[in-house]
Amino acid sequence: MPTSLQMAAGNPALAAAVQRSRKLLHRRALVAAAASAVPVPGLDWAVDAALLSRLLPQINAEFGLSAAQIDQLDPNKREQVQKAVSLVGSVLIGKLITRELVIRATQTVGLRLTTKQAAKYVPLAGQAVAATIGYATLRYLGEQHLKDCVRVVQEAQLQLPAPKPSR
């Protein structure tokens, strides 16, 4: 299965959007890893949900797929995007990202999250395992979302918004 960057090959603007999004994703995954190492029940789930509920709209905006950006498209292009979103099957593109949507998306990696919960109670080694799983889980979810965004942009032949200046 190709990565989002491989899927964007041949389109420099799309590849750049993937790279900017991956940078955001990496930063958030590091925070998730740190939260996963703390042996407080439920803290990592809450942090993961909060991180994803802020990260996914940023990724959507990077590809011109936020709800507000889609609403600003002309009706024909908006319909193309909505068809592409349906074809891809994403519940996280072009919608207001709520905690419920994030939880629905994380159910796909539920076993990893359960293992992470159990592992964190083993001193040191378990916390390291939990942190690694936390990082990998957020990266996996983010990469899947990036692939969906790339597929929607390609399918709808959507023009990407101009990149925002780095902070």
N, C-alpha and C. Protein backbone atom coordinates (compact mmCIF):
# COMPACT_ATOMS: atom_id res chain seq x y z
N MET A 1 0.85 -1.18 0.00
CA MET A 1 0.00 0.00 0.00
C MET A 1 0.89 1.25 0.00
N PRO A 2 0.72 2.13 -0.96
CA PRO A 2 1.58 3.31 -1.03
C PRO A 2 1.29 4.30 0.11
N THR A 3 2.30 5.07 0.45
CA THR A 3 2.13 6.11 1.47
C THR A 3 1.45 7.31 0.82
N SER A 4 1.03 8.25 1.64
CA SER A 4 0.39 9.45 1.11
C SER A 4 1.36 10.23 0.23
N LEU A 5 2.62 10.25 0.59
CA LEU A 5 3.61 10.96 -0.22
C LEU A 5 3.82 10.28 -1.57
N GLN A 6 3.82 8.97 -1.59
CA GLN A 6 3.94 8.24 -2.86
C GLN A 6 2.70 8.48 -3.72
N MET A 7 1.53 8.54 -3.09
CA MET A 7 0.30 8.79 -3.83
C MET A 7 0.30 10.19 -4.46
N ALA A 8 0.98 11.14 -3.81
CA ALA A 8 1.01 12.52 -4.29
C ALA A 8 2.12 12.77 -5.30
N ALA A 9 2.95 11.76 -5.56
CA ALA A 9 4.07 11.92 -6.50
C ALA A 9 3.56 12.43 -7.84
N GLY A 10 4.32 13.33 -8.42
CA GLY A 10 3.92 13.88 -9.72
C GLY A 10 3.15 15.18 -9.59
N ASN A 11 2.73 15.51 -8.39
CA ASN A 11 2.02 16.76 -8.14
C ASN A 11 2.76 17.49 -7.01
N PRO A 12 3.65 18.43 -7.35
CA PRO A 12 4.47 19.09 -6.34
C PRO A 12 3.66 19.79 -5.24
N ALA A 13 2.55 20.43 -5.61
CA ALA A 13 1.73 21.13 -4.60
C ALA A 13 1.11 20.12 -3.64
N LEU A 14 0.66 19.01 -4.15
CA LEU A 14 0.05 17.97 -3.32
C LEU A 14 1.11 17.33 -2.42
N ALA A 15 2.28 17.05 -2.96
CA ALA A 15 3.37 16.48 -2.17
C ALA A 15 3.79 17.44 -1.06
N ALA A 16 3.83 18.74 -1.36
CA ALA A 16 4.19 19.73 -0.34
C ALA A 16 3.14 19.78 0.77
N ALA A 17 1.86 19.67 0.41
CA ALA A 17 0.79 19.65 1.42
C ALA A 17 0.92 18.41 2.31
N VAL A 18 1.27 17.28 1.72
CA VAL A 18 1.49 16.06 2.50
C VAL A 18 2.65 16.26 3.47
N GLN A 19 3.74 16.83 2.99
CA GLN A 19 4.90 17.03 3.85
C GLN A 19 4.60 17.99 5.00
N ARG A 20 3.88 19.08 4.73
CA ARG A 20 3.50 20.01 5.80
C ARG A 20 2.60 19.31 6.81
N SER A 21 1.68 18.50 6.32
CA SER A 21 0.76 17.79 7.20
C SER A 21 1.49 16.75 8.03
N ARG A 22 2.44 16.08 7.42
CA ARG A 22 3.22 15.08 8.17
C ARG A 22 4.04 15.73 9.28
N LYS A 23 4.51 16.92 9.04
CA LYS A 23 5.26 17.65 10.07
C LYS A 23 4.35 17.93 11.27
N LEU A 24 3.14 18.39 11.00
CA LEU A 24 2.14 18.59 12.07
C LEU A 24 1.85 17.28 12.79
N LEU A 25 1.66 16.25 12.01
CA LEU A 25 1.33 14.94 12.55
C LEU A 25 2.45 14.42 13.47
N HIS A 26 3.68 14.59 13.05
CA HIS A 26 4.83 14.13 13.85
C HIS A 26 4.85 14.84 15.20
N ARG A 27 4.64 16.15 15.19
CA ARG A 27 4.64 16.91 16.45
C ARG A 27 3.54 16.42 17.39
N ARG A 28 2.36 16.22 16.85
CA ARG A 28 1.23 15.79 17.69
C ARG A 28 1.46 14.36 18.19
N ALA A 29 2.07 13.51 17.36
CA ALA A 29 2.33 12.13 17.77
C ALA A 29 3.34 12.09 18.92
N LEU A 30 4.29 13.00 18.93
CA LEU A 30 5.24 13.07 20.05
C LEU A 30 4.54 13.43 21.35
N VAL A 31 3.59 14.35 21.28
CA VAL A 31 2.80 14.71 22.46
C VAL A 31 1.98 13.51 22.92
N ALA A 32 1.40 12.79 21.97
CA ALA A 32 0.62 11.60 22.31
C ALA A 32 1.51 10.55 22.98
N ALA A 33 2.73 10.40 22.50
CA ALA A 33 3.66 9.44 23.10
C ALA A 33 3.98 9.83 24.54
N ALA A 34 4.20 11.10 24.77
CA ALA A 34 4.49 11.56 26.13
C ALA A 34 3.30 11.30 27.06
N ALA A 35 2.11 11.58 26.59
CA ALA A 35 0.92 11.34 27.40
C ALA A 35 0.71 9.86 27.65
N SER A 36 1.07 9.03 26.70
CA SER A 36 0.89 7.58 26.85
C SER A 36 1.80 7.00 27.92
N ALA A 37 2.93 7.64 28.14
CA ALA A 37 3.89 7.13 29.13
C ALA A 37 3.44 7.41 30.57
N VAL A 38 2.53 8.35 30.76
CA VAL A 38 2.07 8.71 32.09
C VAL A 38 1.04 7.67 32.56
N PRO A 39 1.30 7.02 33.70
CA PRO A 39 0.40 5.94 34.14
C PRO A 39 -0.86 6.44 34.84
N VAL A 40 -1.62 7.31 34.19
CA VAL A 40 -2.89 7.80 34.71
C VAL A 40 -3.99 7.22 33.83
N PRO A 41 -4.91 6.45 34.39
CA PRO A 41 -5.96 5.82 33.59
C PRO A 41 -6.76 6.84 32.76
N GLY A 42 -6.85 6.58 31.47
CA GLY A 42 -7.68 7.39 30.58
C GLY A 42 -7.03 8.67 30.07
N LEU A 43 -5.90 9.08 30.67
CA LEU A 43 -5.27 10.33 30.24
C LEU A 43 -4.87 10.27 28.77
N ASP A 44 -4.27 9.16 28.35
CA ASP A 44 -3.82 9.06 26.96
C ASP A 44 -4.98 9.08 25.98
N TRP A 45 -6.09 8.46 26.32
CA TRP A 45 -7.28 8.48 25.44
C TRP A 45 -7.77 9.91 25.28
N ALA A 46 -7.83 10.64 26.40
CA ALA A 46 -8.30 12.02 26.36
C ALA A 46 -7.35 12.89 25.54
N VAL A 47 -6.05 12.69 25.73
CA VAL A 47 -5.07 13.47 24.98
C VAL A 47 -5.13 13.11 23.50
N ASP A 48 -5.21 11.82 23.18
CA ASP A 48 -5.31 11.40 21.77
C ASP A 48 -6.53 12.03 21.09
N ALA A 49 -7.67 11.98 21.76
CA ALA A 49 -8.90 12.55 21.18
C ALA A 49 -8.76 14.05 20.99
N ALA A 50 -8.19 14.73 21.99
CA ALA A 50 -8.00 16.18 21.88
C ALA A 50 -7.03 16.53 20.75
N LEU A 51 -5.94 15.79 20.67
CA LEU A 51 -4.95 16.05 19.62
C LEU A 51 -5.55 15.83 18.23
N LEU A 52 -6.25 14.72 18.07
CA LEU A 52 -6.85 14.43 16.76
C LEU A 52 -7.94 15.42 16.40
N SER A 53 -8.72 15.86 17.38
CA SER A 53 -9.81 16.79 17.07
C SER A 53 -9.28 18.16 16.65
N ARG A 54 -8.03 18.47 16.99
CA ARG A 54 -7.41 19.71 16.51
C ARG A 54 -6.56 19.48 15.26
N LEU A 55 -5.93 18.31 15.17
CA LEU A 55 -5.03 18.01 14.05
C LEU A 55 -5.79 17.77 12.75
N LEU A 56 -6.85 16.99 12.79
CA LEU A 56 -7.56 16.63 11.56
C LEU A 56 -8.11 17.85 10.82
N PRO A 57 -8.70 18.85 11.52
CA PRO A 57 -9.14 20.04 10.78
C PRO A 57 -7.97 20.80 10.14
N GLN A 58 -6.80 20.79 10.79
CA GLN A 58 -5.63 21.45 10.21
C GLN A 58 -5.19 20.72 8.94
N ILE A 59 -5.21 19.41 8.98
CA ILE A 59 -4.85 18.63 7.79
C ILE A 59 -5.88 18.87 6.69
N ASN A 60 -7.15 18.83 7.03
CA ASN A 60 -8.20 19.10 6.04
C ASN A 60 -7.97 20.46 5.37
N ALA A 61 -7.67 21.49 6.17
CA ALA A 61 -7.47 22.83 5.64
C ALA A 61 -6.26 22.89 4.71
N GLU A 62 -5.24 22.11 5.02
CA GLU A 62 -4.03 22.05 4.19
C GLU A 62 -4.36 21.59 2.77
N PHE A 63 -5.40 20.76 2.64
CA PHE A 63 -5.79 20.21 1.34
C PHE A 63 -7.01 20.93 0.75
N GLY A 64 -7.49 21.96 1.42
CA GLY A 64 -8.69 22.67 0.94
C GLY A 64 -9.95 21.88 1.20
N LEU A 65 -9.93 21.03 2.24
CA LEU A 65 -11.05 20.13 2.50
C LEU A 65 -11.75 20.39 3.83
N SER A 66 -11.58 21.57 4.39
CA SER A 66 -12.34 21.89 5.60
C SER A 66 -13.78 22.20 5.18
N ALA A 67 -14.68 22.13 6.12
CA ALA A 67 -16.09 22.40 5.80
C ALA A 67 -16.25 23.80 5.21
N ALA A 68 -15.57 24.79 5.78
CA ALA A 68 -15.68 26.17 5.29
C ALA A 68 -15.11 26.30 3.87
N GLN A 69 -13.97 25.64 3.61
CA GLN A 69 -13.38 25.71 2.28
C GLN A 69 -14.25 25.04 1.23
N ILE A 70 -14.85 23.93 1.58
CA ILE A 70 -15.73 23.24 0.64
C ILE A 70 -16.97 24.07 0.36
N ASP A 71 -17.51 24.73 1.40
CA ASP A 71 -18.69 25.59 1.22
C ASP A 71 -18.42 26.75 0.28
N GLN A 72 -17.17 27.18 0.18
CA GLN A 72 -16.83 28.32 -0.68
C GLN A 72 -16.63 27.93 -2.14
N LEU A 73 -16.59 26.65 -2.43
CA LEU A 73 -16.41 26.19 -3.81
C LEU A 73 -17.67 26.44 -4.62
N ASP A 74 -17.50 26.54 -5.94
CA ASP A 74 -18.69 26.67 -6.78
C ASP A 74 -19.48 25.35 -6.70
N PRO A 75 -20.78 25.40 -6.92
CA PRO A 75 -21.62 24.22 -6.70
C PRO A 75 -21.16 22.96 -7.43
N ASN A 76 -20.68 23.07 -8.66
CA ASN A 76 -20.23 21.89 -9.39
C ASN A 76 -19.00 21.26 -8.75
N LYS A 77 -18.05 22.09 -8.37
CA LYS A 77 -16.82 21.59 -7.74
C LYS A 77 -17.14 21.02 -6.36
N ARG A 78 -18.04 21.66 -5.64
CA ARG A 78 -18.45 21.15 -4.32
C ARG A 78 -19.07 19.76 -4.45
N GLU A 79 -19.88 19.57 -5.48
CA GLU A 79 -20.49 18.27 -5.71
C GLU A 79 -19.43 17.22 -6.06
N GLN A 80 -18.43 17.61 -6.86
CA GLN A 80 -17.33 16.69 -7.19
C GLN A 80 -16.60 16.27 -5.92
N VAL A 81 -16.33 17.23 -5.04
CA VAL A 81 -15.61 16.94 -3.80
C VAL A 81 -16.45 16.01 -2.93
N GLN A 82 -17.74 16.29 -2.81
CA GLN A 82 -18.60 15.45 -1.98
C GLN A 82 -18.69 14.02 -2.53
N LYS A 83 -18.73 13.89 -3.84
CA LYS A 83 -18.73 12.55 -4.45
C LYS A 83 -17.41 11.84 -4.16
N ALA A 84 -16.31 12.57 -4.26
CA ALA A 84 -15.00 11.98 -3.99
C ALA A 84 -14.89 11.56 -2.52
N VAL A 85 -15.40 12.37 -1.61
CA VAL A 85 -15.39 12.02 -0.19
C VAL A 85 -16.20 10.75 0.04
N SER A 86 -17.35 10.64 -0.61
CA SER A 86 -18.18 9.44 -0.48
C SER A 86 -17.47 8.22 -1.05
N LEU A 87 -16.80 8.40 -2.18
CA LEU A 87 -16.08 7.31 -2.82
C LEU A 87 -14.94 6.80 -1.92
N VAL A 88 -14.23 7.74 -1.31
CA VAL A 88 -13.12 7.38 -0.41
C VAL A 88 -13.65 6.77 0.87
N GLY A 89 -14.84 7.21 1.29
CA GLY A 89 -15.44 6.65 2.49
C GLY A 89 -14.99 7.30 3.78
N SER A 90 -14.48 8.51 3.71
CA SER A 90 -14.00 9.19 4.89
C SER A 90 -15.14 9.88 5.65
N VAL A 91 -15.09 9.76 6.96
CA VAL A 91 -16.07 10.48 7.79
C VAL A 91 -15.42 11.72 8.38
N LEU A 92 -14.17 11.99 8.04
CA LEU A 92 -13.43 13.07 8.67
C LEU A 92 -13.05 14.19 7.71
N ILE A 93 -13.53 14.15 6.49
CA ILE A 93 -13.22 15.18 5.51
C ILE A 93 -14.46 16.03 5.27
N GLY A 94 -14.25 17.35 5.33
CA GLY A 94 -15.33 18.28 5.03
C GLY A 94 -16.40 18.37 6.09
N LYS A 95 -16.08 17.94 7.29
CA LYS A 95 -17.06 17.97 8.37
C LYS A 95 -16.44 18.64 9.58
N LEU A 96 -17.29 19.10 10.45
CA LEU A 96 -16.83 19.61 11.74
C LEU A 96 -16.34 18.39 12.52
N ILE A 97 -15.09 18.42 12.95
CA ILE A 97 -14.51 17.28 13.64
C ILE A 97 -14.92 17.32 15.11
N THR A 98 -15.69 16.34 15.51
CA THR A 98 -16.16 16.26 16.89
C THR A 98 -15.45 15.11 17.60
N ARG A 99 -15.58 15.10 18.90
CA ARG A 99 -14.98 14.02 19.68
C ARG A 99 -15.57 12.67 19.26
N GLU A 100 -16.87 12.65 18.93
CA GLU A 100 -17.52 11.41 18.52
C GLU A 100 -16.92 10.87 17.22
N LEU A 101 -16.66 11.79 16.27
CA LEU A 101 -16.04 11.35 15.01
C LEU A 101 -14.64 10.82 15.26
N VAL A 102 -13.90 11.47 16.14
CA VAL A 102 -12.54 11.01 16.46
C VAL A 102 -12.59 9.63 17.10
N ILE A 103 -13.52 9.42 18.03
CA ILE A 103 -13.65 8.12 18.69
C ILE A 103 -14.02 7.05 17.67
N ARG A 104 -14.90 7.39 16.75
CA ARG A 104 -15.28 6.44 15.70
C ARG A 104 -14.07 6.05 14.85
N ALA A 105 -13.23 7.03 14.54
CA ALA A 105 -12.04 6.75 13.75
C ALA A 105 -11.03 5.92 14.52
N THR A 106 -10.90 6.17 15.82
CA THR A 106 -9.91 5.44 16.61
C THR A 106 -10.35 4.01 16.90
N GLN A 107 -11.60 3.70 16.71
CA GLN A 107 -12.05 2.32 16.93
C GLN A 107 -11.36 1.35 15.98
N THR A 108 -10.86 1.86 14.88
CA THR A 108 -10.16 0.98 13.93
C THR A 108 -8.84 0.48 14.49
N VAL A 109 -8.32 1.18 15.48
CA VAL A 109 -7.06 0.75 16.09
C VAL A 109 -7.26 0.45 17.58
N GLY A 110 -8.43 0.02 17.94
CA GLY A 110 -8.79 -0.23 19.33
C GLY A 110 -7.88 -1.21 20.05
N LEU A 111 -7.45 -2.27 19.38
CA LEU A 111 -6.59 -3.25 20.03
C LEU A 111 -5.26 -2.63 20.43
N ARG A 112 -4.69 -1.80 19.55
CA ARG A 112 -3.44 -1.14 19.88
C ARG A 112 -3.61 -0.26 21.12
N LEU A 113 -4.72 0.46 21.17
CA LEU A 113 -4.96 1.36 22.29
C LEU A 113 -5.16 0.58 23.59
N THR A 114 -5.81 -0.58 23.52
CA THR A 114 -6.01 -1.41 24.70
C THR A 114 -4.66 -1.95 25.19
N THR A 115 -3.82 -2.37 24.28
CA THR A 115 -2.48 -2.85 24.63
C THR A 115 -1.68 -1.73 25.28
N LYS A 116 -1.82 -0.54 24.75
CA LYS A 116 -1.12 0.62 25.30
C LYS A 116 -1.56 0.86 26.74
N GLN A 117 -2.86 0.74 27.01
CA GLN A 117 -3.37 0.93 28.37
C GLN A 117 -2.76 -0.08 29.33
N ALA A 118 -2.72 -1.33 28.92
CA ALA A 118 -2.19 -2.39 29.79
C ALA A 118 -0.69 -2.25 30.00
N ALA A 119 0.02 -1.90 28.94
CA ALA A 119 1.48 -1.85 29.01
C ALA A 119 2.00 -0.75 29.92
N LYS A 120 1.28 0.35 30.03
CA LYS A 120 1.81 1.48 30.77
C LYS A 120 1.97 1.22 32.26
N TYR A 121 1.35 0.17 32.79
CA TYR A 121 1.44 -0.12 34.21
C TYR A 121 2.64 -0.98 34.59
N VAL A 122 3.40 -1.43 33.60
CA VAL A 122 4.65 -2.14 33.86
C VAL A 122 5.73 -1.06 33.98
N PRO A 123 6.41 -0.97 35.12
CA PRO A 123 7.37 0.12 35.31
C PRO A 123 8.41 0.20 34.20
N LEU A 124 8.72 1.39 33.79
CA LEU A 124 9.72 1.77 32.79
C LEU A 124 9.53 1.11 31.43
N ALA A 125 9.75 -0.18 31.31
CA ALA A 125 9.64 -0.83 29.99
C ALA A 125 8.21 -0.71 29.46
N GLY A 126 7.24 -0.90 30.33
CA GLY A 126 5.84 -0.80 29.91
C GLY A 126 5.49 0.62 29.47
N GLN A 127 6.03 1.59 30.18
CA GLN A 127 5.77 2.98 29.81
C GLN A 127 6.41 3.32 28.47
N ALA A 128 7.58 2.76 28.22
CA ALA A 128 8.23 2.97 26.93
C ALA A 128 7.41 2.32 25.81
N VAL A 129 6.91 1.12 26.08
CA VAL A 129 6.06 0.43 25.09
C VAL A 129 4.79 1.25 24.84
N ALA A 130 4.17 1.74 25.92
CA ALA A 130 2.95 2.54 25.79
C ALA A 130 3.21 3.81 24.98
N ALA A 131 4.34 4.45 25.23
CA ALA A 131 4.69 5.66 24.49
C ALA A 131 4.90 5.35 23.00
N THR A 132 5.57 4.24 22.72
CA THR A 132 5.81 3.84 21.33
C THR A 132 4.49 3.54 20.62
N ILE A 133 3.62 2.82 21.30
CA ILE A 133 2.32 2.49 20.70
C ILE A 133 1.50 3.76 20.51
N GLY A 134 1.56 4.67 21.49
CA GLY A 134 0.83 5.94 21.37
C GLY A 134 1.28 6.73 20.15
N TYR A 135 2.59 6.81 19.96
CA TYR A 135 3.14 7.52 18.81
C TYR A 135 2.69 6.84 17.51
N ALA A 136 2.87 5.53 17.46
CA ALA A 136 2.56 4.77 16.24
C ALA A 136 1.07 4.85 15.91
N THR A 137 0.23 4.82 16.92
CA THR A 137 -1.22 4.86 16.69
C THR A 137 -1.63 6.19 16.08
N LEU A 138 -1.14 7.29 16.65
CA LEU A 138 -1.50 8.59 16.11
C LEU A 138 -0.94 8.77 14.71
N ARG A 139 0.28 8.30 14.47
CA ARG A 139 0.87 8.38 13.14
C ARG A 139 0.06 7.57 12.13
N TYR A 140 -0.38 6.37 12.54
CA TYR A 140 -1.17 5.51 11.66
C TYR A 140 -2.48 6.20 11.29
N LEU A 141 -3.20 6.70 12.29
CA LEU A 141 -4.48 7.37 12.02
C LEU A 141 -4.27 8.60 11.13
N GLY A 142 -3.22 9.35 11.41
CA GLY A 142 -2.93 10.54 10.60
C GLY A 142 -2.57 10.18 9.17
N GLU A 143 -1.77 9.15 8.99
CA GLU A 143 -1.38 8.73 7.65
C GLU A 143 -2.60 8.24 6.86
N GLN A 144 -3.49 7.53 7.51
CA GLN A 144 -4.71 7.07 6.83
C GLN A 144 -5.54 8.28 6.39
N HIS A 145 -5.63 9.28 7.25
CA HIS A 145 -6.38 10.49 6.90
C HIS A 145 -5.70 11.23 5.75
N LEU A 146 -4.38 11.30 5.78
CA LEU A 146 -3.65 11.94 4.69
C LEU A 146 -3.92 11.24 3.36
N LYS A 147 -3.91 9.91 3.37
CA LYS A 147 -4.21 9.15 2.15
C LYS A 147 -5.61 9.49 1.64
N ASP A 148 -6.57 9.57 2.56
CA ASP A 148 -7.94 9.92 2.16
C ASP A 148 -7.97 11.31 1.54
N CYS A 149 -7.27 12.26 2.15
CA CYS A 149 -7.25 13.63 1.62
C CYS A 149 -6.64 13.66 0.22
N VAL A 150 -5.53 12.96 0.04
CA VAL A 150 -4.87 12.91 -1.27
C VAL A 150 -5.82 12.32 -2.32
N ARG A 151 -6.48 11.22 -1.96
CA ARG A 151 -7.39 10.58 -2.90
C ARG A 151 -8.55 11.50 -3.27
N VAL A 152 -9.09 12.23 -2.30
CA VAL A 152 -10.21 13.15 -2.58
C VAL A 152 -9.73 14.28 -3.49
N VAL A 153 -8.57 14.86 -3.19
CA VAL A 153 -8.05 15.94 -4.03
C VAL A 153 -7.82 15.44 -5.45
N GLN A 154 -7.25 14.26 -5.60
CA GLN A 154 -7.00 13.71 -6.94
C GLN A 154 -8.30 13.38 -7.65
N GLU A 155 -9.20 12.76 -6.95
CA GLU A 155 -10.48 12.34 -7.55
C GLU A 155 -11.31 13.55 -8.01
N ALA A 156 -11.33 14.59 -7.17
CA ALA A 156 -12.14 15.78 -7.48
C ALA A 156 -11.36 16.80 -8.30
N GLN A 157 -10.07 16.51 -8.56
CA GLN A 157 -9.21 17.45 -9.28
C GLN A 157 -9.29 18.83 -8.65
N LEU A 158 -9.11 18.84 -7.34
CA LEU A 158 -9.26 20.06 -6.54
C LEU A 158 -7.96 20.86 -6.55
N GLN A 159 -8.09 22.15 -6.71
CA GLN A 159 -6.95 23.06 -6.63
C GLN A 159 -6.65 23.29 -5.15
N LEU A 160 -5.41 23.08 -4.73
CA LEU A 160 -5.04 23.25 -3.33
C LEU A 160 -4.95 24.73 -2.97
N PRO A 161 -5.29 25.06 -1.73
CA PRO A 161 -5.13 26.46 -1.30
C PRO A 161 -3.64 26.81 -1.18
N ALA A 162 -3.34 28.08 -1.22
CA ALA A 162 -1.95 28.52 -1.04
C ALA A 162 -1.52 28.17 0.38
N PRO A 163 -0.29 27.69 0.52
CA PRO A 163 0.17 27.32 1.87
C PRO A 163 0.24 28.54 2.77
N LYS A 164 -0.06 28.31 4.05
CA LYS A 164 0.04 29.38 5.04
C LYS A 164 1.50 29.51 5.45
N PRO A 165 1.93 30.74 5.77
CA PRO A 165 3.33 30.90 6.19
C PRO A 165 3.60 30.11 7.48
N SER A 166 4.79 29.56 7.59
CA SER A 166 5.18 28.77 8.77
C SER A 166 5.28 29.67 9.98
N ARG A 167 4.98 29.05 11.13
CA ARG A 167 5.07 29.80 12.39
C ARG A 167 6.36 29.49 13.07
